[in-house]
């Protein structure tokens, strides 16, 4: 038998999925308390730093998130704010544990998934590590790629930047074809699907849809399955119940 061919087969056999998990509203229910607290802190930071009123602060916060993927990038690019000070100010909580909500048996479910696991988040490292520690899942992930790790020299980047992801995956030794992104933000999934990454849209933690009057709509958030989503699930438990191969593109739960 050809030893080179045998070695090649062994490498292919050992190659498995690499799970890229978003953090907020994916591994935990950030919309419960965390996101409202972060949004409030961001708005207040913008008011205090730029001297604008609350309406303008909210406009900048939301607008920069939609335009750049993270409010931080817009504040750095257009207003020269101190990134470290901003990240620390808006991601520090006196009682993080009481604010967290996550699925029961989260660690067990993640442990059951075959392959490598990486957290890919637009949040800062200290916050991500603190959340993972409180959830008891820190040791299940080989690394955390946070927003500080997404920088390209002096240029701040964030999801869904394609150049950033390619570079981050090279550093982690991950082939894009082996990666499965589990994410609540459809825009990120759409952008990264173009790179050949498999995509899972998790919708169980999405905030309620509200109508024009501000009332909670009867329409459930996260309905349907866009063409760039390989699988839509409501919970992480669904991944362990229906793990899919590279060829599988079922609609999921």
C-alpha atoms as a PDB file:
ATOM      1  CA  UNK A   1       0.000   0.000   0.000  1.00  0.00           C
ATOM      2  CA  UNK A   2       1.217   3.480  -0.841  1.00  0.00           C
ATOM      3  CA  UNK A   3       2.274   5.117   2.476  1.00  0.00           C
ATOM      4  CA  UNK A   4       1.577   8.623   1.129  1.00  0.00           C
ATOM      5  CA  UNK A   5      -1.977   7.673   0.190  1.00  0.00           C
ATOM      6  CA  UNK A   6      -2.514   6.050   3.600  1.00  0.00           C
ATOM      7  CA  UNK A   7      -1.333   9.201   5.365  1.00  0.00           C
ATOM      8  CA  UNK A   8      -3.629  11.327   3.211  1.00  0.00           C
ATOM      9  CA  UNK A   9      -6.614   9.115   4.045  1.00  0.00           C
ATOM     10  CA  UNK A  10      -5.792   9.333   7.753  1.00  0.00           C
ATOM     11  CA  UNK A  11      -5.713  13.111   7.614  1.00  0.00           C
ATOM     12  CA  UNK A  12      -9.085  13.245   5.849  1.00  0.00           C
ATOM     13  CA  UNK A  13     -10.563  10.853   8.404  1.00  0.00           C
ATOM     14  CA  UNK A  14      -9.268  12.954  11.298  1.00  0.00           C
ATOM     15  CA  UNK A  15     -10.615  16.163   9.797  1.00  0.00           C
ATOM     16  CA  UNK A  16     -13.906  16.950  11.442  1.00  0.00           C
ATOM     17  CA  UNK A  17     -16.290  19.872  11.848  1.00  0.00           C
ATOM     18  CA  UNK A  18     -15.129  23.079  13.489  1.00  0.00           C
ATOM     19  CA  UNK A  19     -17.994  24.783  15.276  1.00  0.00           C
ATOM     20  CA  UNK A  20     -17.869  28.580  15.309  1.00  0.00           C
ATOM     21  CA  UNK A  21     -20.304  29.666  17.991  1.00  0.00           C
ATOM     22  CA  UNK A  22     -21.481  33.211  18.383  1.00  0.00           C
ATOM     23  CA  UNK A  23     -21.843  34.121  22.067  1.00  0.00           C
ATOM     24  CA  UNK A  24     -24.775  36.455  22.736  1.00  0.00           C
ATOM     25  CA  UNK A  25     -28.232  35.072  21.882  1.00  0.00           C
ATOM     26  CA  UNK A  26     -26.560  31.860  20.783  1.00  0.00           C
ATOM     27  CA  UNK A  27     -24.855  30.309  23.799  1.00  0.00           C
ATOM     28  CA  UNK A  28     -27.040  32.309  26.176  1.00  0.00           C
ATOM     29  CA  UNK A  29     -30.197  34.442  26.123  1.00  0.00           C
ATOM     30  CA  UNK A  30     -28.630  37.893  25.907  1.00  0.00           C
ATOM     31  CA  UNK A  31     -31.938  39.599  25.065  1.00  0.00           C
ATOM     32  CA  UNK A  32     -33.197  38.759  28.563  1.00  0.00           C
ATOM     33  CA  UNK A  33     -31.047  41.288  30.470  1.00  0.00           C
ATOM     34  CA  UNK A  34     -27.566  41.518  28.977  1.00  0.00           C
ATOM     35  CA  UNK A  35     -28.400  43.268  25.695  1.00  0.00           C
ATOM     36  CA  UNK A  36     -30.700  45.872  27.285  1.00  0.00           C
ATOM     37  CA  UNK A  37     -27.958  46.669  29.800  1.00  0.00           C
ATOM     38  CA  UNK A  38     -25.258  46.896  27.112  1.00  0.00           C
ATOM     39  CA  UNK A  39     -27.419  49.089  24.870  1.00  0.00           C
ATOM     40  CA  UNK A  40     -28.209  51.418  27.776  1.00  0.00           C
ATOM     41  CA  UNK A  41     -24.529  51.645  28.707  1.00  0.00           C
ATOM     42  CA  UNK A  42     -23.504  52.312  25.092  1.00  0.00           C
ATOM     43  CA  UNK A  43     -26.054  55.084  24.729  1.00  0.00           C
ATOM     44  CA  UNK A  44     -24.925  56.711  27.974  1.00  0.00           C
ATOM     45  CA  UNK A  45     -21.258  56.422  26.959  1.00  0.00           C
ATOM     46  CA  UNK A  46     -21.983  58.172  23.656  1.00  0.00           C
ATOM     47  CA  UNK A  47     -23.920  60.918  25.455  1.00  0.00           C
ATOM     48  CA  UNK A  48     -21.119  61.496  27.952  1.00  0.00           C
ATOM     49  CA  UNK A  49     -18.264  61.282  25.454  1.00  0.00           C
ATOM     50  CA  UNK A  50     -19.702  63.087  22.429  1.00  0.00           C
ATOM     51  CA  UNK A  51     -22.024  65.499  24.242  1.00  0.00           C
ATOM     52  CA  UNK A  52     -25.122  64.577  22.221  1.00  0.00           C
ATOM     53  CA  UNK A  53     -28.697  63.984  23.341  1.00  0.00           C
ATOM     54  CA  UNK A  54     -30.225  60.555  23.857  1.00  0.00           C
ATOM     55  CA  UNK A  55     -31.944  60.434  20.466  1.00  0.00           C
ATOM     56  CA  UNK A  56     -28.706  61.138  18.609  1.00  0.00           C
ATOM     57  CA  UNK A  57     -26.814  58.699  20.813  1.00  0.00           C
ATOM     58  CA  UNK A  58     -29.289  55.931  20.008  1.00  0.00           C
ATOM     59  CA  UNK A  59     -29.161  56.809  16.312  1.00  0.00           C
ATOM     60  CA  UNK A  60     -25.372  56.507  16.297  1.00  0.00           C
ATOM     61  CA  UNK A  61     -25.401  53.286  18.322  1.00  0.00           C
ATOM     62  CA  UNK A  62     -27.884  51.510  16.065  1.00  0.00           C
ATOM     63  CA  UNK A  63     -26.580  53.027  12.849  1.00  0.00           C
ATOM     64  CA  UNK A  64     -22.965  52.045  13.467  1.00  0.00           C
ATOM     65  CA  UNK A  65     -23.983  48.521  14.391  1.00  0.00           C
ATOM     66  CA  UNK A  66     -25.861  48.093  11.108  1.00  0.00           C
ATOM     67  CA  UNK A  67     -23.129  49.743   9.049  1.00  0.00           C
ATOM     68  CA  UNK A  68     -20.007  48.187  10.573  1.00  0.00           C
ATOM     69  CA  UNK A  69     -21.204  45.166  12.552  1.00  0.00           C
ATOM     70  CA  UNK A  70     -20.360  46.804  15.897  1.00  0.00           C
ATOM     71  CA  UNK A  71     -20.984  50.242  17.402  1.00  0.00           C
ATOM     72  CA  UNK A  72     -17.335  50.370  18.465  1.00  0.00           C
ATOM     73  CA  UNK A  73     -16.056  50.481  14.883  1.00  0.00           C
ATOM     74  CA  UNK A  74     -18.101  53.543  14.019  1.00  0.00           C
ATOM     75  CA  UNK A  75     -17.107  55.351  17.201  1.00  0.00           C
ATOM     76  CA  UNK A  76     -13.427  54.652  16.572  1.00  0.00           C
ATOM     77  CA  UNK A  77     -13.558  55.601  12.888  1.00  0.00           C
ATOM     78  CA  UNK A  78     -15.640  58.755  13.152  1.00  0.00           C
ATOM     79  CA  UNK A  79     -15.094  60.021  16.704  1.00  0.00           C
ATOM     80  CA  UNK A  80     -11.722  58.670  17.826  1.00  0.00           C
ATOM     81  CA  UNK A  81     -12.957  57.170  21.094  1.00  0.00           C
ATOM     82  CA  UNK A  82     -10.697  54.956  23.213  1.00  0.00           C
ATOM     83  CA  UNK A  83     -11.675  51.374  22.288  1.00  0.00           C
ATOM     84  CA  UNK A  84     -10.435  49.786  25.514  1.00  0.00           C
ATOM     85  CA  UNK A  85     -12.289  52.323  27.660  1.00  0.00           C
ATOM     86  CA  UNK A  86     -15.505  51.860  25.677  1.00  0.00           C
ATOM     87  CA  UNK A  87     -15.414  48.053  25.794  1.00  0.00           C
ATOM     88  CA  UNK A  88     -14.724  48.056  29.523  1.00  0.00           C
ATOM     89  CA  UNK A  89     -17.434  50.600  30.300  1.00  0.00           C
ATOM     90  CA  UNK A  90     -20.255  48.884  28.420  1.00  0.00           C
ATOM     91  CA  UNK A  91     -19.430  45.246  29.235  1.00  0.00           C
ATOM     92  CA  UNK A  92     -18.888  45.452  32.995  1.00  0.00           C
ATOM     93  CA  UNK A  93     -21.665  44.157  35.245  1.00  0.00           C
ATOM     94  CA  UNK A  94     -21.839  44.046  39.029  1.00  0.00           C
ATOM     95  CA  UNK A  95     -23.818  40.781  39.067  1.00  0.00           C
ATOM     96  CA  UNK A  96     -23.335  39.018  35.738  1.00  0.00           C
ATOM     97  CA  UNK A  97     -24.465  35.659  37.085  1.00  0.00           C
ATOM     98  CA  UNK A  98     -27.978  36.841  37.925  1.00  0.00           C
ATOM     99  CA  UNK A  99     -28.390  38.352  34.444  1.00  0.00           C
ATOM    100  CA  UNK A 100     -27.560  35.192  32.508  1.00  0.00           C
ATOM    101  CA  UNK A 101     -30.104  32.777  31.091  1.00  0.00           C
ATOM    102  CA  UNK A 102     -29.138  29.672  29.121  1.00  0.00           C
ATOM    103  CA  UNK A 103     -30.486  26.270  28.124  1.00  0.00           C
ATOM    104  CA  UNK A 104     -30.432  23.523  30.718  1.00  0.00           C
ATOM    105  CA  UNK A 105     -27.628  21.063  30.206  1.00  0.00           C
ATOM    106  CA  UNK A 106     -25.717  23.509  27.997  1.00  0.00           C
ATOM    107  CA  UNK A 107     -22.295  22.048  28.789  1.00  0.00           C
ATOM    108  CA  UNK A 108     -23.514  18.516  28.203  1.00  0.00           C
ATOM    109  CA  UNK A 109     -25.022  19.440  24.842  1.00  0.00           C
ATOM    110  CA  UNK A 110     -21.866  21.172  23.669  1.00  0.00           C
ATOM    111  CA  UNK A 111     -19.709  18.298  24.847  1.00  0.00           C
ATOM    112  CA  UNK A 112     -21.797  15.904  22.761  1.00  0.00           C
ATOM    113  CA  UNK A 113     -21.016  17.728  19.517  1.00  0.00           C
ATOM    114  CA  UNK A 114     -18.110  16.152  17.615  1.00  0.00           C
ATOM    115  CA  UNK A 115     -15.249  18.327  16.452  1.00  0.00           C
ATOM    116  CA  UNK A 116     -13.465  21.473  17.556  1.00  0.00           C
ATOM    117  CA  UNK A 117     -15.297  24.410  19.113  1.00  0.00           C
ATOM    118  CA  UNK A 118     -14.442  28.110  18.903  1.00  0.00           C
ATOM    119  CA  UNK A 119     -16.316  31.186  20.129  1.00  0.00           C
ATOM    120  CA  UNK A 120     -16.475  33.980  17.548  1.00  0.00           C
ATOM    121  CA  UNK A 121     -17.905  37.149  19.058  1.00  0.00           C
ATOM    122  CA  UNK A 122     -17.997  40.889  18.481  1.00  0.00           C
ATOM    123  CA  UNK A 123     -17.846  41.280  22.245  1.00  0.00           C
ATOM    124  CA  UNK A 124     -14.585  41.838  24.171  1.00  0.00           C
ATOM    125  CA  UNK A 125     -12.440  39.015  25.530  1.00  0.00           C
ATOM    126  CA  UNK A 126     -12.951  39.650  29.251  1.00  0.00           C
ATOM    127  CA  UNK A 127     -16.716  39.740  28.859  1.00  0.00           C
ATOM    128  CA  UNK A 128     -16.789  36.583  26.732  1.00  0.00           C
ATOM    129  CA  UNK A 129     -14.582  34.687  29.161  1.00  0.00           C
ATOM    130  CA  UNK A 130     -16.660  35.856  32.127  1.00  0.00           C
ATOM    131  CA  UNK A 131     -19.917  34.709  30.506  1.00  0.00           C
ATOM    132  CA  UNK A 132     -18.445  31.348  29.549  1.00  0.00           C
ATOM    133  CA  UNK A 133     -17.082  30.842  33.062  1.00  0.00           C
ATOM    134  CA  UNK A 134     -20.476  31.557  34.628  1.00  0.00           C
ATOM    135  CA  UNK A 135     -22.106  29.140  32.196  1.00  0.00           C
ATOM    136  CA  UNK A 136     -19.514  26.467  33.001  1.00  0.00           C
ATOM    137  CA  UNK A 137     -18.466  25.998  29.361  1.00  0.00           C
ATOM    138  CA  UNK A 138     -15.078  27.697  29.206  1.00  0.00           C
ATOM    139  CA  UNK A 139     -13.065  24.480  28.982  1.00  0.00           C
ATOM    140  CA  UNK A 140     -15.135  23.159  26.099  1.00  0.00           C
ATOM    141  CA  UNK A 141     -13.768  25.753  23.669  1.00  0.00           C
ATOM    142  CA  UNK A 142     -10.234  25.712  22.351  1.00  0.00           C
ATOM    143  CA  UNK A 143     -10.177  29.480  21.870  1.00  0.00           C
ATOM    144  CA  UNK A 144     -12.170  32.698  21.903  1.00  0.00           C
ATOM    145  CA  UNK A 145     -11.902  35.028  18.927  1.00  0.00           C
ATOM    146  CA  UNK A 146     -13.174  38.321  20.329  1.00  0.00           C
ATOM    147  CA  UNK A 147     -13.289  41.780  18.793  1.00  0.00           C
ATOM    148  CA  UNK A 148      -9.771  42.635  19.983  1.00  0.00           C
ATOM    149  CA  UNK A 149      -8.496  39.620  18.019  1.00  0.00           C
ATOM    150  CA  UNK A 150     -10.232  40.824  14.849  1.00  0.00           C
ATOM    151  CA  UNK A 151      -8.030  43.894  14.467  1.00  0.00           C
ATOM    152  CA  UNK A 152      -5.919  44.224  11.333  1.00  0.00           C
ATOM    153  CA  UNK A 153      -3.005  46.331  12.560  1.00  0.00           C
ATOM    154  CA  UNK A 154      -4.683  49.654  13.418  1.00  0.00           C
ATOM    155  CA  UNK A 155      -7.958  48.826  11.688  1.00  0.00           C
ATOM    156  CA  UNK A 156     -10.744  47.500  13.879  1.00  0.00           C
ATOM    157  CA  UNK A 157     -12.897  44.837  12.246  1.00  0.00           C
ATOM    158  CA  UNK A 158     -15.891  42.774  13.333  1.00  0.00           C
ATOM    159  CA  UNK A 159     -18.325  40.184  12.046  1.00  0.00           C
ATOM    160  CA  UNK A 160     -19.398  39.925   9.269  1.00  0.00           C
ATOM    161  CA  UNK A 161     -16.096  41.166   7.760  1.00  0.00           C
ATOM    162  CA  UNK A 162     -14.917  38.455   5.321  1.00  0.00           C
ATOM    163  CA  UNK A 163     -11.242  39.407   5.371  1.00  0.00           C
ATOM    164  CA  UNK A 164     -11.215  39.196   9.158  1.00  0.00           C
ATOM    165  CA  UNK A 165     -12.747  35.737   9.181  1.00  0.00           C
ATOM    166  CA  UNK A 166     -10.342  34.347   6.606  1.00  0.00           C
ATOM    167  CA  UNK A 167      -7.391  35.619   8.622  1.00  0.00           C
ATOM    168  CA  UNK A 168      -8.810  34.350  11.922  1.00  0.00           C
ATOM    169  CA  UNK A 169      -9.428  30.908  10.463  1.00  0.00           C
ATOM    170  CA  UNK A 170      -5.897  30.704   9.050  1.00  0.00           C
ATOM    171  CA  UNK A 171      -4.505  31.520  12.480  1.00  0.00           C
ATOM    172  CA  UNK A 172      -6.692  28.837  14.044  1.00  0.00           C
ATOM    173  CA  UNK A 173      -5.782  26.278  11.384  1.00  0.00           C
ATOM    174  CA  UNK A 174      -9.382  25.935  10.211  1.00  0.00           C
ATOM    175  CA  UNK A 175     -10.432  25.227   6.623  1.00  0.00           C
ATOM    176  CA  UNK A 176     -13.513  27.245   5.705  1.00  0.00           C
ATOM    177  CA  UNK A 177     -15.061  24.086   4.263  1.00  0.00           C
ATOM    178  CA  UNK A 178     -14.860  22.466   7.720  1.00  0.00           C
ATOM    179  CA  UNK A 179     -16.446  25.381   9.576  1.00  0.00           C
ATOM    180  CA  UNK A 180     -20.036  25.520  10.822  1.00  0.00           C
ATOM    181  CA  UNK A 181     -21.172  28.938  12.029  1.00  0.00           C
ATOM    182  CA  UNK A 182     -23.926  28.915  14.675  1.00  0.00           C
ATOM    183  CA  UNK A 183     -25.290  32.437  14.898  1.00  0.00           C
ATOM    184  CA  UNK A 184     -28.456  34.403  15.647  1.00  0.00           C
ATOM    185  CA  UNK A 185     -27.704  37.280  13.241  1.00  0.00           C
ATOM    186  CA  UNK A 186     -28.877  36.492   9.731  1.00  0.00           C
ATOM    187  CA  UNK A 187     -26.663  39.130   8.116  1.00  0.00           C
ATOM    188  CA  UNK A 188     -23.554  37.389   9.426  1.00  0.00           C
ATOM    189  CA  UNK A 189     -24.743  34.035   8.151  1.00  0.00           C
ATOM    190  CA  UNK A 190     -25.525  35.479   4.725  1.00  0.00           C
ATOM    191  CA  UNK A 191     -22.093  37.061   4.337  1.00  0.00           C
ATOM    192  CA  UNK A 192     -20.153  34.022   5.498  1.00  0.00           C
ATOM    193  CA  UNK A 193     -22.170  31.503   3.505  1.00  0.00           C
ATOM    194  CA  UNK A 194     -20.525  33.024   0.438  1.00  0.00           C
ATOM    195  CA  UNK A 195     -17.164  31.833   1.761  1.00  0.00           C
ATOM    196  CA  UNK A 196     -18.298  28.206   1.745  1.00  0.00           C
ATOM    197  CA  UNK A 197     -19.042  27.971   5.461  1.00  0.00           C
ATOM    198  CA  UNK A 198     -22.026  25.904   6.612  1.00  0.00           C
ATOM    199  CA  UNK A 199     -24.555  27.951   8.516  1.00  0.00           C
ATOM    200  CA  UNK A 200     -26.916  27.332  11.414  1.00  0.00           C
ATOM    201  CA  UNK A 201     -29.415  30.040  12.375  1.00  0.00           C
ATOM    202  CA  UNK A 202     -30.455  29.757  16.029  1.00  0.00           C
ATOM    203  CA  UNK A 203     -33.680  31.619  16.725  1.00  0.00           C
ATOM    204  CA  UNK A 204     -34.785  30.605  20.216  1.00  0.00           C
ATOM    205  CA  UNK A 205     -33.238  33.630  21.937  1.00  0.00           C
ATOM    206  CA  UNK A 206     -34.300  36.284  19.422  1.00  0.00           C
ATOM    207  CA  UNK A 207     -36.268  39.203  20.903  1.00  0.00           C
ATOM    208  CA  UNK A 208     -40.006  39.375  20.300  1.00  0.00           C
ATOM    209  CA  UNK A 209     -41.207  41.038  17.114  1.00  0.00           C
ATOM    210  CA  UNK A 210     -43.146  44.255  17.781  1.00  0.00           C
ATOM    211  CA  UNK A 211     -45.692  45.933  15.523  1.00  0.00           C
ATOM    212  CA  UNK A 212     -45.908  49.636  14.654  1.00  0.00           C
ATOM    213  CA  UNK A 213     -47.716  50.399  17.932  1.00  0.00           C
ATOM    214  CA  UNK A 214     -44.944  48.811  19.984  1.00  0.00           C
ATOM    215  CA  UNK A 215     -47.034  45.810  20.986  1.00  0.00           C
ATOM    216  CA  UNK A 216     -45.594  42.301  20.817  1.00  0.00           C
ATOM    217  CA  UNK A 217     -46.645  40.748  17.522  1.00  0.00           C
ATOM    218  CA  UNK A 218     -48.145  37.274  17.248  1.00  0.00           C
ATOM    219  CA  UNK A 219     -45.600  36.557  14.533  1.00  0.00           C
ATOM    220  CA  UNK A 220     -42.782  34.470  15.971  1.00  0.00           C
ATOM    221  CA  UNK A 221     -39.246  35.787  15.537  1.00  0.00           C
ATOM    222  CA  UNK A 222     -36.934  33.769  13.340  1.00  0.00           C
ATOM    223  CA  UNK A 223     -39.558  32.237  11.086  1.00  0.00           C
ATOM    224  CA  UNK A 224     -38.738  30.784   7.686  1.00  0.00           C
ATOM    225  CA  UNK A 225     -35.349  29.639   6.452  1.00  0.00           C
ATOM    226  CA  UNK A 226     -33.415  31.893   4.052  1.00  0.00           C
ATOM    227  CA  UNK A 227     -31.523  30.207   1.224  1.00  0.00           C
ATOM    228  CA  UNK A 228     -28.158  30.986   2.857  1.00  0.00           C
ATOM    229  CA  UNK A 229     -29.124  29.109   6.040  1.00  0.00           C
ATOM    230  CA  UNK A 230     -28.319  25.399   5.942  1.00  0.00           C
ATOM    231  CA  UNK A 231     -30.251  24.725   9.100  1.00  0.00           C
ATOM    232  CA  UNK A 232     -32.564  26.680  11.387  1.00  0.00           C
ATOM    233  CA  UNK A 233     -32.896  25.583  14.996  1.00  0.00           C
ATOM    234  CA  UNK A 234     -34.639  26.979  18.036  1.00  0.00           C
ATOM    235  CA  UNK A 235     -32.270  25.482  20.581  1.00  0.00           C
ATOM    236  CA  UNK A 236     -28.751  24.122  20.759  1.00  0.00           C
ATOM    237  CA  UNK A 237     -30.279  20.805  21.778  1.00  0.00           C
ATOM    238  CA  UNK A 238     -31.450  20.484  18.181  1.00  0.00           C
ATOM    239  CA  UNK A 239     -27.840  20.300  17.031  1.00  0.00           C
ATOM    240  CA  UNK A 240     -27.183  17.218  19.124  1.00  0.00           C
ATOM    241  CA  UNK A 241     -30.428  15.632  17.963  1.00  0.00           C
ATOM    242  CA  UNK A 242     -29.749  16.228  14.282  1.00  0.00           C
ATOM    243  CA  UNK A 243     -26.086  16.772  13.611  1.00  0.00           C
ATOM    244  CA  UNK A 244     -25.614  17.103   9.872  1.00  0.00           C
ATOM    245  CA  UNK A 245     -22.803  16.064   7.545  1.00  0.00           C
ATOM    246  CA  UNK A 246     -21.265  18.381   4.908  1.00  0.00           C
ATOM    247  CA  UNK A 247     -23.824  17.069   2.421  1.00  0.00           C
ATOM    248  CA  UNK A 248     -26.856  17.621   4.641  1.00  0.00           C
ATOM    249  CA  UNK A 249     -28.804  20.874   4.283  1.00  0.00           C
ATOM    250  CA  UNK A 250     -32.091  20.026   5.968  1.00  0.00           C
ATOM    251  CA  UNK A 251     -34.366  22.692   7.387  1.00  0.00           C
ATOM    252  CA  UNK A 252     -33.889  21.548  10.960  1.00  0.00           C
ATOM    253  CA  UNK A 253     -36.211  22.133  13.870  1.00  0.00           C
END
